[in-house]
């Protein structure tokens, strides 16, 4: 049934969209509350800019 597959694909895309954009927006909106959980300045800096890449000083060395 093509309709069932299309519905599942659409649901997966919607879930990925919500997870991909909703969680960073939620974290940046309530960052003052969550910032105490993260002690790494690099993680804090990248999360505030919207990127989830973990950068460390050892990469440049």
Protein backbone atom coordinates (compact mmCIF):
# COMPACT_ATOMS: atom_id res chain seq x y z
CA UNK A 1 0.00 0.00 0.00
CA UNK A 2 1.68 3.17 -1.22
CA UNK A 3 -0.50 5.36 1.00
CA UNK A 4 0.74 3.67 4.16
CA UNK A 5 4.36 4.04 3.12
CA UNK A 6 3.85 7.68 2.22
CA UNK A 7 2.23 8.32 5.59
CA UNK A 8 5.09 6.64 7.44
CA UNK A 9 7.68 8.62 5.47
CA UNK A 10 5.83 11.86 6.12
CA UNK A 11 5.59 11.08 9.84
CA UNK A 12 9.33 10.29 9.94
CA UNK A 13 10.14 13.59 8.21
CA UNK A 14 7.95 15.51 10.65
CA UNK A 15 9.58 13.81 13.64
CA UNK A 16 13.07 14.52 12.29
CA UNK A 17 12.08 18.14 11.64
CA UNK A 18 10.77 18.57 15.20
CA UNK A 19 13.82 16.86 16.71
CA UNK A 20 16.27 18.72 14.47
CA UNK A 21 14.87 22.20 15.03
CA UNK A 22 12.77 21.96 18.19
CA UNK A 23 15.42 20.68 20.58
CA UNK A 24 18.10 23.31 19.73
CA UNK A 25 15.45 26.05 19.89
CA UNK A 26 14.26 24.73 23.25
CA UNK A 27 17.81 24.53 24.58
CA UNK A 28 18.71 28.04 23.47
CA UNK A 29 15.48 29.42 24.90
CA UNK A 30 16.04 27.80 28.31
CA UNK A 31 19.84 27.79 28.15
CA UNK A 32 20.29 29.60 31.48
CA UNK A 33 18.51 26.70 33.16
CA UNK A 34 20.50 23.98 31.38
CA UNK A 35 23.90 25.71 31.29
CA UNK A 36 24.68 24.41 34.77
CA UNK A 37 24.56 20.84 33.45
CA UNK A 38 27.28 21.50 30.87
CA UNK A 39 30.69 22.44 32.21
CA UNK A 40 32.43 22.51 28.82
CA UNK A 41 32.82 26.00 27.29
CA UNK A 42 33.21 24.57 23.76
CA UNK A 43 29.89 22.73 24.02
CA UNK A 44 28.19 25.80 25.42
CA UNK A 45 29.56 28.01 22.64
CA UNK A 46 28.59 25.66 19.79
CA UNK A 47 25.13 24.97 21.24
CA UNK A 48 24.36 28.68 21.50
CA UNK A 49 25.21 29.17 17.82
CA UNK A 50 22.95 26.26 16.88
CA UNK A 51 25.71 23.80 16.03
CA UNK A 52 25.97 20.51 17.87
CA UNK A 53 29.60 19.87 16.89
CA UNK A 54 31.91 19.18 19.80
CA UNK A 55 35.12 21.15 19.42
CA UNK A 56 38.11 20.79 21.67
CA UNK A 57 41.50 22.44 21.94
CA UNK A 58 43.22 19.13 21.13
CA UNK A 59 41.96 19.35 17.53
CA UNK A 60 44.15 22.37 16.76
CA UNK A 61 47.29 20.92 18.34
